[in-house]
């Protein structure tokens, strides 16, 4: 299967095709997603609760995100991999946001960065 890109997703949308997305946090799950043909994988800070047993996502660090993104990228070369920016990793300054987004892409090797905040964060995005 070819790598899913933003252009491929736009083409699918234009053609009225359904686009699927799931979460994965490790290599074995990523391999299953690769085999399934799902287009997008989110490696979210929800890993704190779903994998690590915490009661919140707030404690998630950049190191934990990178640690979980890397094996997903290796196990699923075709889907678009979305790396989630954890709480506190982008809201101090634009420079902090760019530095941490760069880390997720460079060290984690994800394709896309996800962050939350609406209009408040729009200039940073």
C-alpha atoms as a PDB file:
ATOM      1  CA  UNK A   1       0.000   0.000   0.000  1.00  0.00           C
ATOM      2  CA  UNK A   2       1.273   3.484  -0.866  1.00  0.00           C
ATOM      3  CA  UNK A   3       1.957   6.066   1.837  1.00  0.00           C
ATOM      4  CA  UNK A   4      -1.142   8.095   2.697  1.00  0.00           C
ATOM      5  CA  UNK A   5      -0.534  11.812   2.172  1.00  0.00           C
ATOM      6  CA  UNK A   6      -2.679  14.905   2.559  1.00  0.00           C
ATOM      7  CA  UNK A   7      -3.120  14.915  -1.224  1.00  0.00           C
ATOM      8  CA  UNK A   8      -4.396  11.321  -1.128  1.00  0.00           C
ATOM      9  CA  UNK A   9      -6.822  12.188   1.665  1.00  0.00           C
ATOM     10  CA  UNK A  10      -8.096  15.192  -0.310  1.00  0.00           C
ATOM     11  CA  UNK A  11      -8.553  12.969  -3.369  1.00  0.00           C
ATOM     12  CA  UNK A  12     -10.508  10.458  -1.285  1.00  0.00           C
ATOM     13  CA  UNK A  13     -12.697  13.228   0.126  1.00  0.00           C
ATOM     14  CA  UNK A  14     -13.309  14.691  -3.335  1.00  0.00           C
ATOM     15  CA  UNK A  15     -14.359  11.226  -4.562  1.00  0.00           C
ATOM     16  CA  UNK A  16     -16.724  10.726  -1.642  1.00  0.00           C
ATOM     17  CA  UNK A  17     -14.644   7.858  -0.252  1.00  0.00           C
ATOM     18  CA  UNK A  18     -14.703   7.094   3.449  1.00  0.00           C
ATOM     19  CA  UNK A  19     -11.542   7.849   5.402  1.00  0.00           C
ATOM     20  CA  UNK A  20     -10.767   5.762   8.473  1.00  0.00           C
ATOM     21  CA  UNK A  21      -8.672   6.595  11.520  1.00  0.00           C
ATOM     22  CA  UNK A  22      -7.712   4.715  14.663  1.00  0.00           C
ATOM     23  CA  UNK A  23      -5.267   4.949  17.535  1.00  0.00           C
ATOM     24  CA  UNK A  24      -2.158   2.862  18.121  1.00  0.00           C
ATOM     25  CA  UNK A  25       0.580   3.122  20.713  1.00  0.00           C
ATOM     26  CA  UNK A  26       2.921   0.227  19.904  1.00  0.00           C
ATOM     27  CA  UNK A  27       4.528  -1.808  17.119  1.00  0.00           C
ATOM     28  CA  UNK A  28       2.204  -4.871  17.159  1.00  0.00           C
ATOM     29  CA  UNK A  29      -0.943  -2.751  17.001  1.00  0.00           C
ATOM     30  CA  UNK A  30       0.572  -0.604  14.251  1.00  0.00           C
ATOM     31  CA  UNK A  31       1.316  -3.758  12.224  1.00  0.00           C
ATOM     32  CA  UNK A  32      -2.343  -4.793  12.497  1.00  0.00           C
ATOM     33  CA  UNK A  33      -3.479  -1.341  11.410  1.00  0.00           C
ATOM     34  CA  UNK A  34      -1.075  -1.509   8.446  1.00  0.00           C
ATOM     35  CA  UNK A  35      -2.660  -4.798   7.359  1.00  0.00           C
ATOM     36  CA  UNK A  36      -6.185  -3.417   7.787  1.00  0.00           C
ATOM     37  CA  UNK A  37      -5.796  -0.575   5.299  1.00  0.00           C
ATOM     38  CA  UNK A  38      -6.843   2.166   7.736  1.00  0.00           C
ATOM     39  CA  UNK A  39      -5.588   5.497   6.397  1.00  0.00           C
ATOM     40  CA  UNK A  40      -4.679   7.427   9.565  1.00  0.00           C
ATOM     41  CA  UNK A  41      -3.257   6.506  12.963  1.00  0.00           C
ATOM     42  CA  UNK A  42      -3.334   8.904  15.894  1.00  0.00           C
ATOM     43  CA  UNK A  43      -0.742   8.369  18.585  1.00  0.00           C
ATOM     44  CA  UNK A  44      -2.477  10.440  21.220  1.00  0.00           C
ATOM     45  CA  UNK A  45      -1.667  11.529  24.734  1.00  0.00           C
ATOM     46  CA  UNK A  46      -4.584   9.286  25.711  1.00  0.00           C
ATOM     47  CA  UNK A  47      -1.869   6.626  25.927  1.00  0.00           C
ATOM     48  CA  UNK A  48      -1.488   7.820  29.507  1.00  0.00           C
ATOM     49  CA  UNK A  49      -4.880   6.351  30.351  1.00  0.00           C
ATOM     50  CA  UNK A  50      -5.288   3.537  27.819  1.00  0.00           C
ATOM     51  CA  UNK A  51      -1.771   2.070  28.031  1.00  0.00           C
ATOM     52  CA  UNK A  52      -0.062   3.459  31.119  1.00  0.00           C
ATOM     53  CA  UNK A  53      -3.017   3.376  33.534  1.00  0.00           C
ATOM     54  CA  UNK A  54      -3.018   7.018  34.582  1.00  0.00           C
ATOM     55  CA  UNK A  55      -6.311   8.754  35.328  1.00  0.00           C
ATOM     56  CA  UNK A  56      -5.522  11.761  33.106  1.00  0.00           C
ATOM     57  CA  UNK A  57      -3.549  12.790  30.036  1.00  0.00           C
ATOM     58  CA  UNK A  58      -2.034  15.841  31.752  1.00  0.00           C
ATOM     59  CA  UNK A  59       1.163  14.091  32.925  1.00  0.00           C
ATOM     60  CA  UNK A  60       2.137  12.952  29.430  1.00  0.00           C
ATOM     61  CA  UNK A  61       5.602  14.125  28.367  1.00  0.00           C
ATOM     62  CA  UNK A  62       7.265  14.695  25.028  1.00  0.00           C
ATOM     63  CA  UNK A  63       9.561  11.758  25.760  1.00  0.00           C
ATOM     64  CA  UNK A  64       6.580   9.453  26.265  1.00  0.00           C
ATOM     65  CA  UNK A  65       4.979  10.648  23.032  1.00  0.00           C
ATOM     66  CA  UNK A  66       8.183  10.116  21.047  1.00  0.00           C
ATOM     67  CA  UNK A  67       8.686   6.713  22.686  1.00  0.00           C
ATOM     68  CA  UNK A  68       5.228   5.595  21.494  1.00  0.00           C
ATOM     69  CA  UNK A  69       5.219   7.290  18.072  1.00  0.00           C
ATOM     70  CA  UNK A  70       8.472   5.646  16.896  1.00  0.00           C
ATOM     71  CA  UNK A  71       7.272   2.017  16.979  1.00  0.00           C
ATOM     72  CA  UNK A  72       3.957   2.970  15.386  1.00  0.00           C
ATOM     73  CA  UNK A  73       5.806   4.594  12.485  1.00  0.00           C
ATOM     74  CA  UNK A  74       7.964   1.473  12.096  1.00  0.00           C
ATOM     75  CA  UNK A  75       5.003  -0.906  12.225  1.00  0.00           C
ATOM     76  CA  UNK A  76       2.724   1.054   9.908  1.00  0.00           C
ATOM     77  CA  UNK A  77       4.614   2.600   6.993  1.00  0.00           C
ATOM     78  CA  UNK A  78       1.511   3.289   4.881  1.00  0.00           C
ATOM     79  CA  UNK A  79      -0.958   5.189   7.087  1.00  0.00           C
ATOM     80  CA  UNK A  80      -0.526   8.846   7.891  1.00  0.00           C
ATOM     81  CA  UNK A  81       0.808   8.991  11.467  1.00  0.00           C
ATOM     82  CA  UNK A  82      -0.490  11.833  13.632  1.00  0.00           C
ATOM     83  CA  UNK A  83       1.559  12.700  16.710  1.00  0.00           C
ATOM     84  CA  UNK A  84      -0.249  14.449  19.550  1.00  0.00           C
ATOM     85  CA  UNK A  85       1.370  17.383  21.331  1.00  0.00           C
ATOM     86  CA  UNK A  86       0.948  16.729  25.060  1.00  0.00           C
ATOM     87  CA  UNK A  87      -0.406  19.242  27.559  1.00  0.00           C
ATOM     88  CA  UNK A  88       2.082  22.009  28.295  1.00  0.00           C
ATOM     89  CA  UNK A  89       4.281  21.328  25.261  1.00  0.00           C
ATOM     90  CA  UNK A  90       3.088  24.198  23.074  1.00  0.00           C
ATOM     91  CA  UNK A  91       1.247  26.859  25.059  1.00  0.00           C
ATOM     92  CA  UNK A  92       4.111  28.881  26.563  1.00  0.00           C
ATOM     93  CA  UNK A  93       5.337  30.348  23.275  1.00  0.00           C
ATOM     94  CA  UNK A  94       5.417  29.824  19.519  1.00  0.00           C
ATOM     95  CA  UNK A  95       9.071  28.899  19.851  1.00  0.00           C
ATOM     96  CA  UNK A  96       8.229  26.161  22.373  1.00  0.00           C
ATOM     97  CA  UNK A  97       5.508  24.831  20.069  1.00  0.00           C
ATOM     98  CA  UNK A  98       7.804  24.760  17.041  1.00  0.00           C
ATOM     99  CA  UNK A  99      10.635  23.156  19.005  1.00  0.00           C
ATOM    100  CA  UNK A 100       8.395  20.390  20.340  1.00  0.00           C
ATOM    101  CA  UNK A 101       6.558  19.820  17.051  1.00  0.00           C
ATOM    102  CA  UNK A 102       9.964  19.495  15.405  1.00  0.00           C
ATOM    103  CA  UNK A 103      10.964  16.891  18.004  1.00  0.00           C
ATOM    104  CA  UNK A 104       7.847  14.822  17.338  1.00  0.00           C
ATOM    105  CA  UNK A 105       8.542  14.861  13.609  1.00  0.00           C
ATOM    106  CA  UNK A 106      12.330  14.481  13.787  1.00  0.00           C
ATOM    107  CA  UNK A 107      12.662  12.013  16.676  1.00  0.00           C
ATOM    108  CA  UNK A 108       9.258  10.338  16.453  1.00  0.00           C
ATOM    109  CA  UNK A 109       9.062  10.542  12.644  1.00  0.00           C
ATOM    110  CA  UNK A 110       5.321  11.190  12.562  1.00  0.00           C
ATOM    111  CA  UNK A 111       3.778  12.824   9.492  1.00  0.00           C
ATOM    112  CA  UNK A 112       1.408  15.279  11.123  1.00  0.00           C
ATOM    113  CA  UNK A 113       1.161  17.128  14.423  1.00  0.00           C
ATOM    114  CA  UNK A 114      -2.072  17.459  16.419  1.00  0.00           C
ATOM    115  CA  UNK A 115      -2.608  20.113  19.052  1.00  0.00           C
ATOM    116  CA  UNK A 116      -5.641  21.611  20.709  1.00  0.00           C
ATOM    117  CA  UNK A 117      -6.681  25.135  21.503  1.00  0.00           C
ATOM    118  CA  UNK A 118      -8.891  26.674  18.796  1.00  0.00           C
ATOM    119  CA  UNK A 119      -8.526  30.393  18.124  1.00  0.00           C
ATOM    120  CA  UNK A 120      -6.144  30.867  21.041  1.00  0.00           C
ATOM    121  CA  UNK A 121      -3.508  28.712  19.360  1.00  0.00           C
ATOM    122  CA  UNK A 122      -4.289  29.644  15.726  1.00  0.00           C
ATOM    123  CA  UNK A 123      -1.323  32.020  15.315  1.00  0.00           C
ATOM    124  CA  UNK A 124       1.033  29.356  16.616  1.00  0.00           C
ATOM    125  CA  UNK A 125      -0.347  26.788  14.197  1.00  0.00           C
END
